[in-house]
Amino acid sequence: MEESGMTRVSKVQHGQDQAQYEDLFHAGRSGPLPFSSHLHVQGLQNDEVVAHYHEYIEIIHVLEGSLKASVSGHEFSISGGDLLLVNSMEPHAFRRSRSCRYICLQFDPYVLFSTSRMTFETRYIMPFIMSSSSPQRVIPAKELADTDIGRLVEDVNRECSIREYGFELAVRADICRIFLWFLRKWHAQGVSMGMSSDIRSEDIARLEGVLAFIDANYMGTVSADKMASMCNMSYSYFSRFFKASIGKTFSEYLTYVRVTEAEKLLVSTDKNVSQIAVETGFSNASYFITQFKKLKHMTPKKFQQHLLIEDTSID
């Protein structure tokens, strides 16, 4: 779609310093899940969504009516059948026309990885995560007409609404299918993912090695110093490179992996918190609880209880 003038929204945010950060967990949309979806039905008045940004990738699929979007300083008009893609941490704002209906799908980029975070996934997913923006923000309805993308977005919304047994698996599968469609489309068009020019292909290979090492050794001592040495980088260069590539510091990513593995044990075993803490590489239960709560916005015990309540309600 062509960019269009939008005086009231275009002035809002050309950068994160002017936009509001939105914590989707504290907003109550995700709970312990790394995704959310909802259907928005606009009333009889136009309104605006002020500029904001968040860690999640966001997809807006307009079903009826129209809206205007400002994404990182670029303005777009989006009509029925169009789809808007907003990458992680991109400032964006909307002006919604009356009677507009759309599905808003938001998901953590890391939901695209399987629980084992395979190296081959890294080759496809990391270039997108490392990009500061998406190659094509708006996909017009005519490009989607002969695809399953609209159906997949609607299916995600249905699964999130009904929450049938196993809906989490269904949602992740649909999100991966949507992501694969984008990757193949851009690859066929020879579109660059917009990765930073100072990130070399050999550095990507080294990063894959680091991620594989973390997956195999997260339960023990894994230090940034050791990883830097393994990559033949200085500690300072490795730290900057890792943060630029992953969007998290080395310590944050290691904690993310350990908490992810702890989640599996919390839902699949009867081990206590202290045992799980030790088995996933945390120095003690207290530190484990603190880091788990920081990432999941609830304690490990509350996490177990939340899932137990969901399973009971589904049954």
Protein backbone atom coordinates (compact mmCIF):
# COMPACT_ATOMS: atom_id res chain seq x y z
CA MET A 1 0.00 0.00 0.00
CA GLU A 2 1.18 3.54 -0.60
CA GLU A 3 2.12 5.75 2.29
CA SER A 4 -0.51 8.35 3.06
CA GLY A 5 -0.53 11.63 4.96
CA MET A 6 -1.60 11.39 8.57
CA THR A 7 -1.00 14.65 10.33
CA ARG A 8 -2.33 13.74 13.77
CA VAL A 9 -0.55 10.42 14.09
CA SER A 10 2.56 10.99 12.01
CA LYS A 11 3.85 13.50 14.50
CA VAL A 12 3.75 10.98 17.31
CA GLN A 13 6.81 9.00 17.37
CA HIS A 14 9.61 8.64 15.06
CA GLY A 15 11.61 7.00 17.79
CA GLN A 16 11.30 5.16 21.09
CA ASP A 17 12.18 8.30 23.06
CA GLN A 18 8.80 9.73 22.04
CA ALA A 19 6.78 6.51 22.36
CA GLN A 20 5.39 4.75 25.40
CA TYR A 21 6.77 1.34 26.31
CA GLU A 22 4.00 -1.25 26.67
CA ASP A 23 4.56 -4.23 28.93
CA LEU A 24 2.21 -6.84 27.49
CA PHE A 25 2.48 -9.07 30.55
CA HIS A 26 1.51 -6.28 32.93
CA ALA A 27 -1.23 -5.28 30.49
CA GLY A 28 -2.84 -8.61 31.37
CA ARG A 29 -3.00 -9.97 27.84
CA SER A 30 -0.55 -12.81 27.85
CA GLY A 31 -0.43 -14.40 31.29
CA PRO A 32 2.40 -16.93 31.08
CA LEU A 33 1.88 -17.34 27.33
CA PRO A 34 4.23 -15.73 24.77
CA PHE A 35 1.38 -14.63 22.51
CA SER A 36 -2.04 -13.01 22.51
CA SER A 37 -4.77 -12.23 20.00
CA HIS A 38 -7.98 -10.26 20.12
CA LEU A 39 -10.66 -8.95 17.79
CA HIS A 40 -11.15 -5.19 17.93
CA VAL A 41 -14.51 -3.76 16.86
CA GLN A 42 -14.44 0.03 16.59
CA GLY A 43 -17.52 1.98 17.63
CA LEU A 44 -19.17 4.86 15.81
CA GLN A 45 -16.38 7.30 16.58
CA ASN A 46 -12.84 7.56 15.24
CA ASP A 47 -10.11 7.27 17.83
CA GLU A 48 -6.35 7.01 18.20
CA VAL A 49 -3.95 4.55 19.80
CA VAL A 50 -1.00 6.60 21.01
CA ALA A 51 2.49 5.64 19.88
CA HIS A 52 3.97 2.75 21.81
CA TYR A 53 6.40 -0.13 21.40
CA HIS A 54 6.98 -3.57 22.91
CA GLU A 55 9.13 -6.67 22.57
CA TYR A 56 6.43 -8.58 20.70
CA ILE A 57 6.01 -8.81 16.94
CA GLU A 58 2.55 -7.50 16.04
CA ILE A 59 0.29 -8.39 13.12
CA ILE A 60 -2.82 -6.35 12.36
CA HIS A 61 -5.27 -7.99 9.93
CA VAL A 62 -8.07 -5.62 8.95
CA LEU A 63 -11.37 -7.41 8.35
CA GLU A 64 -13.60 -4.40 7.65
CA GLY A 65 -13.21 -0.65 7.41
CA SER A 66 -9.84 1.07 7.54
CA LEU A 67 -7.23 2.52 9.81
CA LYS A 68 -4.11 4.64 9.49
CA ALA A 69 -0.86 3.48 10.99
CA SER A 70 2.40 5.19 11.81
CA VAL A 71 5.33 2.77 12.16
CA SER A 72 8.79 4.13 12.90
CA GLY A 73 7.84 7.43 11.28
CA HIS A 74 6.27 5.92 8.14
CA GLU A 75 2.53 6.35 7.56
CA PHE A 76 0.22 3.84 5.92
CA SER A 77 -3.48 3.53 5.08
CA ILE A 78 -4.77 0.01 5.68
CA SER A 79 -8.13 -1.24 4.40
CA GLY A 80 -10.22 -4.39 4.66
CA GLY A 81 -8.20 -7.50 3.83
CA ASP A 82 -4.81 -5.79 4.28
CA LEU A 83 -2.24 -6.94 6.81
CA LEU A 84 0.27 -4.84 8.76
CA LEU A 85 3.48 -6.29 10.22
CA VAL A 86 5.25 -4.46 13.05
CA ASN A 87 8.60 -5.80 14.22
CA SER A 88 9.75 -6.04 17.83
CA MET A 89 10.49 -2.68 19.51
CA GLU A 90 9.22 -0.58 16.57
CA PRO A 91 7.26 2.52 17.68
CA HIS A 92 3.77 2.45 16.18
CA ALA A 93 0.47 4.32 16.49
CA PHE A 94 -3.00 4.01 14.96
CA ARG A 95 -5.94 6.18 13.99
CA ARG A 96 -8.96 3.89 13.75
CA SER A 97 -11.94 4.75 11.59
CA ARG A 98 -15.44 4.10 12.87
CA SER A 99 -16.82 0.59 12.38
CA CYS A 100 -13.32 -0.74 11.73
CA ARG A 101 -12.81 -4.42 12.62
CA TYR A 102 -9.40 -6.05 12.87
CA ILE A 103 -7.51 -8.87 14.55
CA CYS A 104 -4.44 -7.92 16.56
CA LEU A 105 -1.95 -10.79 16.95
CA GLN A 106 1.10 -10.22 19.17
CA PHE A 107 3.82 -12.76 19.92
CA ASP A 108 7.28 -13.00 21.41
CA PRO A 109 9.81 -13.49 18.57
CA TYR A 110 11.25 -16.42 20.50
CA VAL A 111 8.01 -18.38 20.09
CA LEU A 112 9.36 -19.13 16.61
CA PHE A 113 12.05 -21.30 18.18
CA SER A 114 11.21 -24.82 19.25
CA THR A 115 11.93 -25.69 22.87
CA SER A 116 15.31 -27.09 21.78
CA ARG A 117 16.25 -23.93 19.82
CA MET A 118 17.76 -25.89 16.93
CA THR A 119 20.65 -24.42 14.94
CA PHE A 120 18.79 -24.69 11.63
CA GLU A 121 16.02 -22.53 13.08
CA THR A 122 18.58 -19.89 13.93
CA ARG A 123 19.55 -19.50 10.27
CA TYR A 124 15.99 -18.48 9.38
CA ILE A 125 14.79 -16.73 12.51
CA MET A 126 17.79 -14.72 13.65
CA PRO A 127 18.02 -12.49 10.54
CA PHE A 128 14.43 -11.40 11.17
CA ILE A 129 14.92 -10.86 14.90
CA MET A 130 18.17 -8.98 14.23
CA SER A 131 16.47 -6.66 11.75
CA SER A 132 15.30 -3.30 13.09
CA SER A 133 12.26 -3.34 10.79
CA SER A 134 10.40 -5.65 8.43
CA PRO A 135 11.17 -5.55 4.68
CA GLN A 136 7.50 -5.01 3.82
CA ARG A 137 5.21 -3.59 6.46
CA VAL A 138 1.87 -3.78 4.65
CA ILE A 139 0.67 -6.73 2.61
CA PRO A 140 -2.35 -5.65 0.52
CA ALA A 141 -5.45 -7.80 0.30
CA LYS A 142 -4.78 -8.74 -3.34
CA GLU A 143 -1.47 -10.37 -2.34
CA LEU A 144 -3.19 -12.36 0.39
CA ALA A 145 -6.17 -13.44 -1.73
CA ASP A 146 -4.64 -16.76 -2.82
CA THR A 147 -2.92 -17.54 0.47
CA ASP A 148 -3.92 -19.02 3.81
CA ILE A 149 -2.56 -16.10 5.82
CA GLY A 150 -5.92 -14.52 6.58
CA ARG A 151 -7.34 -17.88 7.64
CA LEU A 152 -4.30 -18.59 9.82
CA VAL A 153 -4.60 -15.25 11.63
CA GLU A 154 -8.31 -15.85 12.20
CA ASP A 155 -7.54 -19.38 13.41
CA VAL A 156 -5.04 -18.02 15.95
CA ASN A 157 -7.67 -15.62 17.23
CA ARG A 158 -10.24 -18.40 17.47
CA GLU A 159 -7.83 -20.69 19.34
CA CYS A 160 -6.92 -17.90 21.78
CA SER A 161 -10.59 -17.15 22.39
CA ILE A 162 -11.92 -20.70 22.79
CA ARG A 163 -8.81 -22.20 24.42
CA GLU A 164 -9.54 -25.80 23.61
CA TYR A 165 -7.18 -28.47 24.89
CA GLY A 166 -3.80 -28.03 23.19
CA PHE A 167 -4.59 -24.54 21.86
CA GLU A 168 -1.04 -23.37 22.65
CA LEU A 169 0.36 -25.90 20.16
CA ALA A 170 -2.17 -24.86 17.53
CA VAL A 171 -1.35 -21.16 17.96
CA ARG A 172 2.40 -21.71 17.73
CA ALA A 173 1.97 -23.87 14.61
CA ASP A 174 -0.13 -21.17 12.93
CA ILE A 175 2.33 -18.42 13.86
CA CYS A 176 5.19 -20.46 12.41
CA ARG A 177 3.22 -21.00 9.18
CA ILE A 178 2.59 -17.25 8.91
CA PHE A 179 6.27 -16.52 9.54
CA LEU A 180 7.34 -19.11 6.96
CA TRP A 181 5.10 -17.45 4.34
CA PHE A 182 6.80 -14.11 4.95
CA LEU A 183 10.27 -15.66 4.76
CA ARG A 184 9.55 -17.46 1.47
CA LYS A 185 7.89 -14.39 -0.02
CA TRP A 186 10.86 -12.15 0.76
CA HIS A 187 13.38 -14.80 -0.31
CA ALA A 188 11.63 -15.23 -3.67
CA GLN A 189 11.70 -11.47 -4.17
CA GLY A 190 15.36 -11.23 -3.18
CA VAL A 191 14.45 -8.87 -0.38
CA SER A 192 17.15 -8.17 2.21
CA MET A 193 16.20 -8.59 5.84
CA GLY A 194 17.91 -5.29 6.59
CA MET A 195 20.55 -6.72 8.89
CA SER A 196 23.24 -4.36 10.08
CA SER A 197 26.10 -4.21 7.61
CA ASP A 198 28.66 -4.67 10.40
CA ILE A 199 27.31 -8.14 11.24
CA ARG A 200 29.37 -10.60 9.21
CA SER A 201 28.34 -14.08 8.09
CA GLU A 202 31.18 -15.64 10.10
CA ASP A 203 29.87 -13.88 13.18
CA ILE A 204 26.45 -15.44 12.58
CA ALA A 205 28.11 -18.86 12.44
CA ARG A 206 29.87 -18.11 15.72
CA LEU A 207 26.58 -17.01 17.26
CA GLU A 208 24.98 -20.29 16.27
CA GLY A 209 27.82 -22.10 18.04
CA VAL A 210 27.29 -20.05 21.19
CA LEU A 211 23.54 -20.73 21.22
CA ALA A 212 24.15 -24.45 20.71
CA PHE A 213 26.69 -24.47 23.55
CA ILE A 214 24.25 -22.73 25.88
CA ASP A 215 21.53 -25.25 25.03
CA ALA A 216 23.86 -28.13 25.86
CA ASN A 217 25.39 -26.64 29.01
CA TYR A 218 22.87 -24.21 30.57
CA MET A 219 22.61 -26.41 33.67
CA GLY A 220 26.25 -25.74 34.52
CA THR A 221 28.56 -22.74 34.59
CA VAL A 222 28.42 -20.80 31.31
CA SER A 223 30.25 -17.49 31.25
CA ALA A 224 30.44 -14.68 28.71
CA ASP A 225 34.24 -14.80 29.06
CA LYS A 226 34.31 -18.41 27.91
CA MET A 227 31.93 -17.73 25.03
CA ALA A 228 34.01 -14.74 23.91
CA SER A 229 37.13 -16.91 23.90
CA MET A 230 35.31 -19.63 21.96
CA CYS A 231 34.38 -17.01 19.33
CA ASN A 232 37.89 -15.53 19.24
CA MET A 233 36.45 -12.18 20.34
CA SER A 234 37.33 -9.85 23.15
CA TYR A 235 34.86 -9.81 26.03
CA SER A 236 33.68 -6.28 25.22
CA TYR A 237 33.22 -6.98 21.50
CA PHE A 238 31.40 -10.24 22.21
CA SER A 239 29.08 -8.53 24.70
CA ARG A 240 28.17 -5.79 22.21
CA PHE A 241 27.78 -8.27 19.35
CA PHE A 242 25.57 -10.63 21.36
CA LYS A 243 23.29 -7.83 22.53
CA ALA A 244 23.00 -6.41 18.99
CA SER A 245 22.25 -9.86 17.56
CA ILE A 246 19.85 -11.32 20.11
CA GLY A 247 18.34 -8.18 21.60
CA LYS A 248 19.28 -9.44 25.06
CA THR A 249 22.53 -9.36 26.99
CA PHE A 250 24.36 -12.67 27.35
CA SER A 251 23.23 -12.95 30.96
CA GLU A 252 19.62 -12.16 30.04
CA TYR A 253 19.58 -14.79 27.31
CA LEU A 254 21.16 -17.45 29.53
CA THR A 255 18.54 -16.73 32.17
CA TYR A 256 15.82 -16.91 29.49
CA VAL A 257 17.02 -20.40 28.45
CA ARG A 258 17.20 -21.59 32.05
CA VAL A 259 13.73 -20.28 32.87
CA THR A 260 12.35 -21.89 29.69
CA GLU A 261 13.82 -25.23 30.74
CA ALA A 262 12.50 -24.74 34.26
CA GLU A 263 9.01 -24.24 32.84
CA LYS A 264 9.16 -27.71 31.29
CA LEU A 265 10.09 -29.27 34.62
CA LEU A 266 7.40 -27.34 36.47
CA VAL A 267 4.66 -28.74 34.23
CA SER A 268 6.04 -32.24 33.60
CA THR A 269 7.53 -33.36 36.93
CA ASP A 270 6.73 -33.26 40.63
CA LYS A 271 10.17 -31.90 41.53
CA ASN A 272 10.24 -29.04 44.01
CA VAL A 273 11.50 -25.55 43.30
CA SER A 274 14.92 -26.16 44.86
CA GLN A 275 15.52 -29.23 42.73
CA ILE A 276 14.45 -27.46 39.54
CA ALA A 277 16.65 -24.48 40.38
CA VAL A 278 19.74 -26.67 40.66
CA GLU A 279 18.93 -28.71 37.55
CA THR A 280 18.53 -25.61 35.40
CA GLY A 281 21.74 -23.89 36.46
CA PHE A 282 20.57 -21.43 39.11
CA SER A 283 22.79 -21.01 42.17
CA ASN A 284 19.89 -21.31 44.62
CA ALA A 285 16.11 -21.41 44.84
CA SER A 286 15.79 -17.80 45.93
CA TYR A 287 17.67 -16.49 42.90
CA PHE A 288 15.68 -18.83 40.64
CA ILE A 289 12.37 -17.53 41.99
CA THR A 290 13.52 -13.92 41.53
CA GLN A 291 14.58 -14.46 37.91
CA PHE A 292 11.49 -16.54 37.08
CA LYS A 293 9.21 -13.82 38.44
CA LYS A 294 11.15 -11.15 36.54
CA LEU A 295 10.53 -12.93 33.23
CA LYS A 296 7.11 -14.49 33.83
CA HIS A 297 5.66 -11.92 36.23
CA MET A 298 4.69 -14.68 38.64
CA THR A 299 6.48 -17.12 40.91
CA PRO A 300 7.13 -20.72 39.77
CA LYS A 301 4.43 -21.93 42.15
CA LYS A 302 1.89 -19.44 40.79
CA PHE A 303 2.88 -20.53 37.28
CA GLN A 304 2.04 -24.14 38.14
CA GLN A 305 -1.24 -23.12 39.74
CA HIS A 306 -2.18 -20.96 36.74
CA LEU A 307 -1.68 -23.86 34.34
CA LEU A 308 -3.58 -26.22 36.64
CA ILE A 309 -6.55 -23.83 36.68
CA GLU A 310 -6.43 -23.56 32.87
CA ASP A 311 -6.33 -27.34 32.46
CA THR A 312 -9.31 -27.70 34.80
CA SER A 313 -11.32 -25.05 32.94
CA ILE A 314 -10.52 -26.68 29.58
CA ASP A 315 -11.66 -30.07 30.82
